[in-house]
Structure formats: structure tokens, C-alpha cells
Amino acid sequence: MNPLPRPATSPSALAGRYLRVRSRSRALAAPLSEADCQVQSMPDASPVKWHLAHVTWFFETMVLERHERAFKPHHPHFRVLYNSYYQQVGAQHPRPQRGLVSRPSLAEVMAYRAAVDDRVLALLHAPHAAEVDALVELGLQHEQQHQELLLTDVKHMLSCNPVEPVYQGGWRLAPVAPAAHGWVPFDGGTVEIGHPGDGFAFDNEGPRHSVLLRPYAIGNRLVTHGDWLAFVRDGGYADPRWWLAAGWDWRAQQRVEAPLYWRRSGDGRDDWQVFTLHGPAPIDPHTPIVHVSYFEADAYARWAAEQWGEPVRLPTEAEWEHAAAQDAGARIAGGNFVETEALHPMPLPRIESGAMQLFGDVWEWTSSSYAAYPGFRAWDGAVGEYNGKFMVNQYVLRGGSCATPRDHIRPSYRNFFATDARWQFSGLRLARDLDRAMIAP
């Protein structure tokens, strides 16, 4: 048995958090029209209206259905329409066809949210089983994940529109001095990774366990748009030396020649713009590169190793967590998350020693396949389908992004995507092996 972790807060405090998270989802949808909320731009994305309904379905199905006295569903069809992948709950509407569900309307979905909110809050304010608090906290963490997905899906949807619509205006990049790339060394040795046990964590973050790390160094900063432009100019997308076989085939089949949302703005080979949630913008060479796949990140690392004459590679997730766990609270507090409203990776606010921008800005690809930790056990019941069944053909990303809620991230958080996924805010930093003699005493 592996029950859900209980939140370390009172029911009244949990009710307050419930209202804040739920209102944030409505705020993210507020700049959009009903037509915007209906569109599904590709099978991997979902309409905004579906996101708003699905996270509500989660509370209705996982919390109210189990614990509300005399439970009745809000609408009999919603159980199938808004089930994502929970086989133990029942049938699901096909994911690629979510954009075809024009009814219920957006107003009806918002009414569904309001009705479920009233029922969940009533449950929290009445005497209830301890499992209720745990399920509500899981539902809030789940909704925060969908808040980020909502933004990434909206960005992809708007990018498909030739009039280049703006989701949020009024933002400009501030010029900054560039930071030179450098290395932050670590001795390695036997270290502990995984969630330490205090506060919420998903089941895939544990158990905490020991790993052996060789001496390594991690990049002091993220790979930037300027770095990536050098890779493009050098023909990196056309040179099979840098690419995994599957990545080369993907690049050729999809005719990929640059990161997602890069667009040529003139006749020259170096005339590029980037589409953002603020509309099209010039490429700023000092901002972290974003919207690259694992295939692209790995190819860049191989190219950089040749350029620099160093054993450059992507970090493992254990190396990343070991490096990021040091002074993590301050790093997270200062990170560029969704609360800053930049909705784009930002240049370094200041040049510091150590590894910079480990949290926020972009999810960082690692070289680690998404797999179970030693002793992993999925949660009991239908929520056990949350993470474990996806532990195949995916790679791990770490650190959160400019679309992640700040209080949702922690050093042990394991995100994961397929090797060709790049509509998420994904980027990278580099790592390398070290000899012990290279580490200053």
C-alpha cells in the first residue's frame, strides 16, 4: 500500500489555497475569446476549455464521488468527456478529438467549475476523512500542472494564426550584459536524491535513495539563443554527426531547421524572429534557448563538445538535483516563474557565482530516461495511474519554467516528455565529467 501524502496544513488553510489556485486558472483563460478556448492546434495539445473542465472533473471524480454524501454527477456525460487517461475510472473521449467538443459551451464549463467549487469547499469545511485533504492537495498540484499546459497549448494555438495574435501585451526585454559560459565543479561521491519527505511530492519523486556520482561540472548558465544561433549558422541542423539516428530521422521528416517558433524575418539566412505569448519579437541572444526537443538538446551538446574540445554533454538528473539542492529555497524565490508574467525565459538579472537560473525560465533536459527509482510504488487506487505507467520512452526535465507556478516546484520534481516534444518551455544547460585533480581543494 502506498497512500497519498497528507498536506501539512489545516482544512481551512487548504480551502484558501484551493480558492487561490482555482482562481488562477480562470485568470489565465480571461484574455481569451470563446473561440480561442475551443481550438485544439495539434493532438498533443488540448483546448483551454478542456483544461478548465478536466481539472474540475478531477475534483468531482477523485474527491466528491468518493467522499460526498449522496453524490450526484454534475452532468452524466462529463465523466467520459473530461477523463484524460484514467482507465480505472472508465472510458475517455479520444484525445485528438477534444477540439471537436463544441458543446458544452465555455459558460457551461465555467458553471461546472463554480458548482464543483461550492461542493468541494463545503466538504472541506465539514468534518471529513483525512484522505479528503490529501486528494484535494493532489488535485491542486494537478491543476497547477494544467495551468502550465494551458499556456503552452495557447502559445502553440496562437502561433498557428497568421495574424500573430498577442496573448499578453506590454512586455519588453531589458538589455543586460552577457554572461560568459563557465563550469561549476562538484566532487561527486555518494549523494542522496529524491524527495526528503516533508510536504507534498508526486509518487515518482521517491523513494529518496543513494546514487554514486563521478566528479562532474555543470554549466554556470543556461544555453542561450545566441549560443543556439551559432549552432544554426554552423549548419548544426544539417550535419548528421551531431544527431542520434532517431533524431536525424525526425529532423528530416519534420523538416526542422531551428527551434520551434523561430521564423525567418527577411531574406538572409540569419534573419530570425521568435513567436512569444507577447507576439513576435526579435531574438535576444542573451535569453535562454527554449522550445527545443531532447533530440535538439543532445545534438547541440555533441556539437559543443567538438567546438570546445571538452567532454560536454547533458547532465544526468541526479547531477542536476545534486547541484540544484544547494540553496534551493533562495534560488526558487528568485526564479522567473509564471508569477513574474514574463511568460518567456529572461536574461540573467545579475551575474553571480555558481550555477545560475536553475529554477524557472526553462525546463532543462537531462540525459536520464524517465524510470522508476529503486523501491518505487505507485499510489493506491486510480490516482496510481498518475505517473508510473508513463515510465517508458521519455526523458526527464528539471527545474520548472517561466510558465510554472513558483510554489509548485522543488529540487526533486521530475517532469518528463517524449524525445521529439518541444512545444513545452524546454531548454538546457551543459555538463561535463571531471577528474578529481581538476577540482580545487
Protein backbone atom coordinates (compact mmCIF):
# COMPACT_ATOMS: atom_id res chain seq x y z
CA MET A 1 0.00 0.00 0.00
CA ASN A 2 1.20 3.50 -0.83
CA PRO A 3 -1.29 6.16 0.30
CA LEU A 4 -1.20 9.79 -0.78
CA PRO A 5 0.88 12.16 1.38
CA ARG A 6 -1.21 14.27 3.73
CA PRO A 7 -0.82 18.05 3.36
CA ALA A 8 0.89 19.75 6.29
CA THR A 9 -1.86 22.36 6.65
CA SER A 10 -5.28 22.79 8.22
CA PRO A 11 -8.50 22.25 6.24
CA SER A 12 -9.25 25.99 6.41
CA ALA A 13 -5.81 26.85 5.03
CA LEU A 14 -6.27 24.21 2.33
CA ALA A 15 -9.62 25.79 1.42
CA GLY A 16 -7.88 29.15 0.98
CA ARG A 17 -5.24 27.58 -1.23
CA TYR A 18 -8.00 25.87 -3.19
CA LEU A 19 -9.62 29.22 -3.98
CA ARG A 20 -6.29 30.80 -4.99
CA VAL A 21 -5.29 28.02 -7.38
CA ARG A 22 -8.74 27.73 -8.93
CA SER A 23 -8.96 31.50 -9.47
CA ARG A 24 -5.56 31.47 -11.13
CA SER A 25 -6.83 29.11 -13.83
CA ARG A 26 -9.73 31.45 -14.56
CA ALA A 27 -7.33 34.38 -14.75
CA LEU A 28 -5.13 32.58 -17.27
CA ALA A 29 -8.15 31.98 -19.50
CA ALA A 30 -9.50 35.53 -19.13
CA PRO A 31 -7.56 37.13 -22.05
CA LEU A 32 -9.01 34.56 -24.48
CA SER A 33 -12.20 34.53 -26.51
CA GLU A 34 -14.59 31.60 -26.52
CA ALA A 35 -13.24 30.71 -29.98
CA ASP A 36 -9.68 30.72 -28.60
CA CYS A 37 -10.74 28.34 -25.83
CA GLN A 38 -12.25 25.88 -28.32
CA VAL A 39 -9.25 25.31 -30.62
CA GLN A 40 -7.02 22.23 -30.46
CA SER A 41 -3.96 23.01 -32.59
CA MET A 42 -2.42 19.51 -32.53
CA PRO A 43 -3.08 16.11 -30.91
CA ASP A 44 -0.55 16.73 -28.12
CA ALA A 45 -2.31 19.95 -27.10
CA SER A 46 -5.76 20.41 -25.59
CA PRO A 47 -8.30 23.22 -25.84
CA VAL A 48 -8.36 25.70 -22.96
CA LYS A 49 -11.98 24.75 -22.34
CA TRP A 50 -10.95 21.11 -21.92
CA HIS A 51 -8.20 22.03 -19.43
CA LEU A 52 -10.68 24.05 -17.36
CA ALA A 53 -13.17 21.19 -17.35
CA HIS A 54 -10.70 18.33 -16.85
CA VAL A 55 -9.14 19.75 -13.67
CA THR A 56 -12.69 20.19 -12.36
CA TRP A 57 -13.52 16.62 -13.36
CA PHE A 58 -10.55 15.54 -11.23
CA PHE A 59 -12.05 17.10 -8.09
CA GLU A 60 -15.52 15.79 -8.89
CA THR A 61 -14.37 12.22 -9.65
CA MET A 62 -11.47 11.73 -7.25
CA VAL A 63 -12.81 13.75 -4.28
CA LEU A 64 -16.58 14.25 -4.39
CA GLU A 65 -17.54 10.89 -5.84
CA ARG A 66 -15.63 9.14 -3.06
CA HIS A 67 -16.47 11.35 -0.10
CA GLU A 68 -19.55 13.49 -0.72
CA ARG A 69 -22.69 12.16 0.89
CA ALA A 70 -25.48 11.48 -1.67
CA PHE A 71 -23.09 12.27 -4.53
CA LYS A 72 -24.62 13.01 -7.91
CA PRO A 73 -22.60 13.90 -11.02
CA HIS A 74 -22.90 17.44 -12.31
CA HIS A 75 -23.57 16.09 -15.82
CA PRO A 76 -23.65 12.40 -16.82
CA HIS A 77 -21.56 12.92 -20.00
CA PHE A 78 -18.72 14.78 -18.27
CA ARG A 79 -17.30 11.58 -16.76
CA VAL A 80 -16.23 10.41 -20.25
CA LEU A 81 -15.69 13.79 -21.93
CA TYR A 82 -13.14 15.04 -19.42
CA ASN A 83 -11.39 11.83 -18.35
CA SER A 84 -7.83 12.07 -19.65
CA TYR A 85 -6.25 8.63 -19.20
CA TYR A 86 -7.64 7.04 -16.04
CA GLN A 87 -8.58 3.54 -17.15
CA GLN A 88 -9.85 2.62 -13.69
CA VAL A 89 -12.41 5.41 -13.92
CA GLY A 90 -13.73 4.29 -17.29
CA ALA A 91 -13.90 5.34 -20.93
CA GLN A 92 -12.34 8.52 -22.30
CA HIS A 93 -13.15 10.74 -25.27
CA PRO A 94 -10.26 10.41 -27.81
CA ARG A 95 -7.55 12.95 -27.09
CA PRO A 96 -7.05 14.10 -30.72
CA GLN A 97 -10.79 14.92 -30.90
CA ARG A 98 -11.06 17.20 -27.86
CA GLY A 99 -11.32 20.26 -30.10
CA LEU A 100 -14.45 18.84 -31.72
CA VAL A 101 -16.42 19.04 -28.47
CA SER A 102 -18.02 22.42 -29.15
CA ARG A 103 -20.69 21.76 -26.53
CA PRO A 104 -20.89 22.20 -23.60
CA SER A 105 -20.13 25.89 -24.06
CA LEU A 106 -17.42 27.79 -22.21
CA ALA A 107 -20.12 29.31 -20.00
CA GLU A 108 -21.35 25.83 -19.10
CA VAL A 109 -17.80 24.74 -18.25
CA MET A 110 -17.40 27.78 -16.01
CA ALA A 111 -20.70 26.94 -14.33
CA TYR A 112 -19.39 23.38 -13.82
CA ARG A 113 -16.28 24.80 -12.15
CA ALA A 114 -18.34 27.02 -9.85
CA ALA A 115 -20.68 24.19 -8.84
CA VAL A 116 -17.82 21.81 -8.05
CA ASP A 117 -16.01 24.56 -6.14
CA ASP A 118 -19.01 25.06 -3.89
CA ARG A 119 -19.24 21.33 -3.20
CA VAL A 120 -15.52 20.84 -2.52
CA LEU A 121 -15.40 23.83 -0.16
CA ALA A 122 -18.47 22.55 1.68
CA LEU A 123 -16.74 19.19 2.10
CA LEU A 124 -13.55 20.84 3.42
CA HIS A 125 -15.46 22.95 5.96
CA ALA A 126 -17.41 19.95 7.31
CA PRO A 127 -15.98 17.00 9.28
CA HIS A 128 -14.31 14.70 6.75
CA ALA A 129 -11.86 11.85 6.33
CA ALA A 130 -8.14 12.65 6.24
CA GLU A 131 -7.95 11.29 2.70
CA VAL A 132 -10.05 14.24 1.51
CA ASP A 133 -7.28 16.72 2.30
CA ALA A 134 -4.71 14.54 0.55
CA LEU A 135 -6.88 14.22 -2.57
CA VAL A 136 -7.64 17.94 -2.67
CA GLU A 137 -3.93 18.77 -2.43
CA LEU A 138 -3.21 16.33 -5.26
CA GLY A 139 -5.98 17.99 -7.29
CA LEU A 140 -4.40 21.40 -6.74
CA GLN A 141 -0.96 20.16 -7.78
CA HIS A 142 -2.63 18.60 -10.82
CA GLU A 143 -4.36 21.90 -11.67
CA GLN A 144 -1.07 23.77 -11.43
CA GLN A 145 0.39 21.37 -13.98
CA HIS A 146 -2.53 22.12 -16.27
CA GLN A 147 -2.06 25.85 -15.80
CA GLU A 148 1.34 25.47 -17.41
CA LEU A 149 -0.08 23.18 -20.10
CA LEU A 150 -2.81 25.73 -20.76
CA LEU A 151 -0.19 28.39 -21.51
CA THR A 152 1.95 26.15 -23.69
CA ASP A 153 -1.09 24.97 -25.62
CA VAL A 154 -2.34 28.54 -26.06
CA LYS A 155 1.07 29.59 -27.36
CA HIS A 156 1.03 26.80 -29.95
CA MET A 157 -2.55 27.64 -30.93
CA LEU A 158 -1.82 31.35 -31.39
CA SER A 159 1.38 30.59 -33.33
CA CYS A 160 -0.73 28.81 -35.96
CA ASN A 161 -2.67 32.02 -36.67
CA PRO A 162 -1.10 34.11 -39.49
CA VAL A 163 -2.20 37.38 -37.88
CA GLU A 164 0.16 36.59 -34.96
CA PRO A 165 -2.24 37.38 -32.10
CA VAL A 166 -0.99 38.54 -28.71
CA TYR A 167 -1.98 36.72 -25.52
CA GLN A 168 -0.50 39.34 -23.19
CA GLY A 169 0.92 42.69 -24.24
CA GLY A 170 3.10 45.30 -22.64
CA TRP A 171 6.31 43.33 -22.13
CA ARG A 172 9.79 44.24 -23.35
CA LEU A 173 13.13 42.57 -22.76
CA ALA A 174 15.58 44.64 -20.75
CA PRO A 175 19.12 44.77 -22.15
CA VAL A 176 21.70 43.03 -19.99
CA ALA A 177 25.39 42.27 -20.11
CA PRO A 178 26.09 38.75 -21.38
CA ALA A 179 27.44 36.13 -19.00
CA ALA A 180 30.40 34.06 -20.15
CA HIS A 181 29.91 30.33 -20.01
CA GLY A 182 31.79 28.64 -17.20
CA TRP A 183 31.77 25.47 -15.12
CA VAL A 184 30.69 24.85 -11.54
CA PRO A 185 32.57 21.78 -10.25
CA PHE A 186 31.32 19.12 -7.84
CA ASP A 187 33.26 16.35 -6.11
CA GLY A 188 30.61 13.73 -6.70
CA GLY A 189 30.62 10.73 -4.41
CA THR A 190 27.63 9.06 -2.78
CA VAL A 191 24.74 11.54 -2.58
CA GLU A 192 21.03 11.37 -1.75
CA ILE A 193 18.39 12.32 -4.31
CA GLY A 194 14.60 12.16 -4.26
CA HIS A 195 12.04 13.92 -2.12
CA PRO A 196 13.11 14.11 1.54
CA GLY A 197 9.59 13.51 2.86
CA ASP A 198 8.38 16.89 4.13
CA GLY A 199 5.49 18.42 2.18
CA PHE A 200 3.82 17.28 -1.00
CA ALA A 201 5.61 15.24 -3.65
CA PHE A 202 4.42 13.11 -6.54
CA ASP A 203 4.99 9.39 -6.22
CA ASN A 204 7.68 9.43 -8.93
CA GLU A 205 9.90 11.67 -6.75
CA GLY A 206 10.62 8.87 -4.29
CA PRO A 207 11.82 6.96 -2.51
CA ARG A 208 14.84 9.03 -1.56
CA HIS A 209 17.91 6.95 -2.28
CA SER A 210 21.68 6.99 -2.70
CA VAL A 211 23.43 7.38 -6.03
CA LEU A 212 27.12 7.43 -6.86
CA LEU A 213 28.27 10.43 -8.87
CA ARG A 214 31.64 10.76 -10.52
CA PRO A 215 33.24 14.21 -10.26
CA TYR A 216 31.38 16.49 -12.65
CA ALA A 217 30.81 20.10 -13.54
CA ILE A 218 27.58 21.77 -14.54
CA GLY A 219 27.25 24.89 -16.67
CA ASN A 220 27.05 28.14 -14.75
CA ARG A 221 24.26 29.31 -17.06
CA LEU A 222 21.67 28.03 -19.48
CA VAL A 223 22.38 27.71 -23.19
CA THR A 224 21.15 30.94 -24.81
CA HIS A 225 19.54 31.99 -28.05
CA GLY A 226 22.92 33.43 -29.05
CA ASP A 227 24.64 30.11 -28.42
CA TRP A 228 21.98 28.36 -30.46
CA LEU A 229 22.27 30.81 -33.33
CA ALA A 230 25.94 29.81 -33.63
CA PHE A 231 24.85 26.16 -33.88
CA VAL A 232 22.35 27.06 -36.63
CA ARG A 233 24.89 29.18 -38.53
CA ASP A 234 27.40 26.33 -38.42
CA GLY A 235 24.92 24.02 -40.12
CA GLY A 236 24.13 22.07 -36.97
CA TYR A 237 20.72 21.02 -38.23
CA ALA A 238 22.19 19.70 -41.47
CA ASP A 239 25.15 17.74 -40.07
CA PRO A 240 24.37 14.10 -39.13
CA ARG A 241 27.49 13.90 -36.93
CA TRP A 242 25.65 15.57 -34.06
CA TRP A 243 22.39 13.66 -34.19
CA LEU A 244 21.08 10.43 -32.77
CA ALA A 245 19.73 8.23 -35.58
CA ALA A 246 16.13 8.68 -34.43
CA GLY A 247 16.71 12.41 -34.07
CA TRP A 248 18.13 12.70 -37.56
CA ASP A 249 15.13 10.89 -38.99
CA TRP A 250 12.76 13.12 -37.00
CA ARG A 251 14.57 16.26 -38.18
CA ALA A 252 14.36 15.14 -41.81
CA GLN A 253 10.73 14.04 -41.67
CA GLN A 254 9.59 17.22 -39.92
CA ARG A 255 11.96 19.48 -41.92
CA VAL A 256 13.28 21.01 -38.72
CA GLU A 257 15.89 23.71 -39.21
CA ALA A 258 15.58 25.74 -36.00
CA PRO A 259 13.81 25.69 -32.62
CA LEU A 260 10.02 25.79 -32.57
CA TYR A 261 8.64 29.33 -33.02
CA TRP A 262 11.77 30.62 -34.79
CA ARG A 263 10.68 32.30 -38.01
CA ARG A 264 12.63 33.91 -40.78
CA SER A 265 12.00 37.64 -40.82
CA GLY A 266 13.88 38.51 -44.05
CA ASP A 267 15.77 37.09 -46.97
CA GLY A 268 19.06 36.50 -45.14
CA ARG A 269 19.90 33.14 -43.58
CA ASP A 270 20.38 34.79 -40.16
CA ASP A 271 17.18 36.84 -40.21
CA TRP A 272 15.17 35.25 -37.42
CA GLN A 273 12.30 36.27 -35.18
CA VAL A 274 10.69 34.27 -32.39
CA PHE A 275 6.98 33.99 -31.63
CA THR A 276 6.11 34.57 -27.97
CA LEU A 277 2.94 34.92 -25.93
CA HIS A 278 3.51 38.65 -26.39
CA GLY A 279 3.55 38.26 -30.15
CA PRO A 280 6.58 38.14 -32.49
CA ALA A 281 9.85 39.52 -31.13
CA PRO A 282 13.48 39.79 -32.23
CA ILE A 283 15.73 37.05 -30.95
CA ASP A 284 17.60 38.25 -27.89
CA PRO A 285 20.95 36.44 -27.82
CA HIS A 286 21.17 36.58 -24.01
CA THR A 287 17.88 34.85 -23.21
CA PRO A 288 17.89 31.08 -22.60
CA ILE A 289 17.02 28.97 -25.62
CA VAL A 290 13.55 27.46 -25.38
CA HIS A 291 11.23 25.08 -27.23
CA VAL A 292 13.86 22.55 -28.23
CA SER A 293 13.39 18.79 -28.17
CA TYR A 294 15.61 16.25 -26.47
CA PHE A 295 16.94 15.38 -29.93
CA GLU A 296 17.97 19.00 -30.48
CA ALA A 297 19.44 19.41 -26.99
CA ASP A 298 21.53 16.27 -27.40
CA ALA A 299 22.72 17.35 -30.86
CA TYR A 300 23.73 20.76 -29.52
CA ALA A 301 25.73 19.15 -26.70
CA ARG A 302 27.62 16.95 -29.18
CA TRP A 303 28.32 19.95 -31.38
CA ALA A 304 29.52 22.00 -28.40
CA ALA A 305 31.88 19.19 -27.34
CA GLU A 306 33.52 19.38 -30.76
CA GLN A 307 33.67 23.18 -30.75
CA TRP A 308 35.16 23.44 -27.28
CA GLY A 309 37.32 20.33 -27.30
CA GLU A 310 35.77 19.24 -23.99
CA PRO A 311 33.67 16.19 -22.99
CA VAL A 312 30.48 18.23 -22.99
CA ARG A 313 27.10 16.51 -22.57
CA LEU A 314 23.70 16.89 -20.96
CA PRO A 315 23.65 16.42 -17.18
CA THR A 316 22.05 13.39 -15.61
CA GLU A 317 19.02 14.11 -13.46
CA ALA A 318 20.99 13.05 -10.36
CA GLU A 319 23.74 15.56 -11.18
CA TRP A 320 21.18 18.28 -11.76
CA GLU A 321 19.35 17.62 -8.49
CA HIS A 322 22.59 17.40 -6.52
CA ALA A 323 23.67 20.78 -7.89
CA ALA A 324 20.25 22.42 -7.53
CA ALA A 325 19.53 21.24 -3.98
CA GLN A 326 22.11 23.64 -2.57
CA ASP A 327 20.43 26.90 -1.51
CA ALA A 328 17.32 25.79 -3.39
CA GLY A 329 14.91 27.97 -1.43
CA ALA A 330 16.61 31.20 -2.39
CA ARG A 331 17.07 30.03 -5.98
CA ILE A 332 13.36 29.24 -6.33
CA ALA A 333 12.33 32.51 -4.69
CA GLY A 334 14.34 34.46 -7.25
CA GLY A 335 13.38 32.42 -10.30
CA ASN A 336 11.41 33.55 -13.34
CA PHE A 337 8.12 31.70 -12.88
CA VAL A 338 4.60 32.42 -14.10
CA GLU A 339 4.10 34.98 -11.32
CA THR A 340 6.59 37.36 -12.97
CA GLU A 341 4.27 37.46 -16.02
CA ALA A 342 7.25 37.47 -18.38
CA LEU A 343 5.93 34.24 -19.98
CA HIS A 344 9.30 33.92 -21.68
CA PRO A 345 12.78 32.98 -20.46
CA MET A 346 14.65 36.06 -19.34
CA PRO A 347 18.30 37.09 -19.49
CA LEU A 348 20.28 36.82 -16.30
CA PRO A 349 19.16 39.54 -13.87
CA ARG A 350 22.69 39.69 -12.48
CA ILE A 351 25.91 37.78 -12.86
CA GLU A 352 26.64 35.57 -9.87
CA SER A 353 28.99 32.79 -8.93
CA GLY A 354 27.73 29.25 -9.06
CA ALA A 355 25.04 27.78 -11.27
CA MET A 356 22.51 30.44 -12.25
CA GLN A 357 18.83 30.15 -13.29
CA LEU A 358 18.47 26.56 -12.10
CA PHE A 359 14.78 27.15 -11.32
CA GLY A 360 12.31 28.82 -13.63
CA ASP A 361 12.84 30.16 -17.17
CA VAL A 362 13.06 26.79 -18.96
CA TRP A 363 12.65 23.12 -18.12
CA GLU A 364 16.13 21.63 -18.50
CA TRP A 365 16.59 18.42 -20.47
CA THR A 366 18.70 15.76 -18.77
CA SER A 367 20.25 12.65 -20.26
CA SER A 368 18.22 10.43 -17.91
CA SER A 369 15.43 8.20 -19.15
CA TYR A 370 12.25 8.54 -17.14
CA ALA A 371 12.21 5.41 -15.00
CA ALA A 372 11.24 4.30 -11.51
CA TYR A 373 13.52 4.97 -8.57
CA PRO A 374 14.59 1.89 -6.57
CA GLY A 375 11.66 0.84 -4.40
CA PHE A 376 9.11 2.96 -6.28
CA ARG A 377 5.46 2.19 -5.60
CA ALA A 378 2.58 3.93 -7.33
CA TRP A 379 -0.16 5.43 -5.20
CA ASP A 380 -3.15 3.29 -4.33
CA GLY A 381 -6.27 3.38 -6.49
CA ALA A 382 -6.97 5.26 -9.72
CA VAL A 383 -4.55 8.06 -8.82
CA GLY A 384 -1.81 5.45 -9.07
CA GLU A 385 -2.10 5.91 -12.84
CA TYR A 386 -0.79 9.47 -12.46
CA ASN A 387 2.90 8.87 -13.19
CA GLY A 388 4.08 5.28 -13.10
CA LYS A 389 2.52 4.00 -16.30
CA PHE A 390 4.38 6.63 -18.35
CA MET A 391 7.83 5.37 -17.36
CA VAL A 392 8.90 4.36 -20.87
CA ASN A 393 10.25 6.20 -23.94
CA GLN A 394 10.51 9.54 -22.14
CA TYR A 395 13.33 11.72 -20.81
CA VAL A 396 13.45 13.73 -17.59
CA LEU A 397 13.43 17.53 -17.40
CA ARG A 398 14.15 19.53 -14.26
CA GLY A 399 13.73 22.97 -12.73
CA GLY A 400 10.42 24.44 -13.90
CA SER A 401 9.84 27.22 -16.41
CA CYS A 402 8.52 30.73 -16.90
CA ALA A 403 5.03 29.17 -17.10
CA THR A 404 5.33 27.10 -13.88
CA PRO A 405 3.74 28.34 -10.62
CA ARG A 406 6.55 29.10 -8.17
CA ASP A 407 5.10 27.11 -5.26
CA HIS A 408 4.70 24.06 -7.49
CA ILE A 409 8.43 23.40 -7.99
CA ARG A 410 11.10 21.78 -5.79
CA PRO A 411 14.55 20.24 -6.40
CA SER A 412 13.17 16.69 -6.61
CA TYR A 413 10.42 17.49 -9.15
CA ARG A 414 10.62 15.18 -12.20
CA ASN A 415 8.99 16.37 -15.40
CA PHE A 416 9.10 14.08 -18.45
CA PHE A 417 8.39 14.26 -22.15
CA ALA A 418 8.99 12.31 -25.33
CA THR A 419 12.22 12.96 -27.23
CA ASP A 420 10.53 14.95 -30.00
CA ALA A 421 8.38 17.18 -27.75
CA ARG A 422 9.21 20.86 -27.97
CA TRP A 423 6.02 22.89 -27.52
CA GLN A 424 6.78 22.97 -23.80
CA PHE A 425 9.15 25.60 -22.37
CA SER A 426 12.14 23.24 -22.64
CA GLY A 427 15.81 24.25 -22.82
CA LEU A 428 19.13 23.02 -21.46
CA ARG A 429 22.40 23.60 -19.68
CA LEU A 430 25.54 21.59 -20.28
CA ALA A 431 27.62 19.35 -18.03
CA ARG A 432 30.93 17.54 -18.27
CA ASP A 433 32.97 14.88 -16.49
CA LEU A 434 35.89 15.95 -14.31
CA ASP A 435 39.00 14.32 -12.96
CA ARG A 436 39.45 14.85 -9.22
CA ALA A 437 42.66 16.71 -9.99
CA MET A 438 40.58 19.35 -11.81
CA ILE A 439 38.60 20.25 -8.67
CA ALA A 440 40.25 22.85 -6.46
CA PRO A 441 40.70 21.72 -2.84
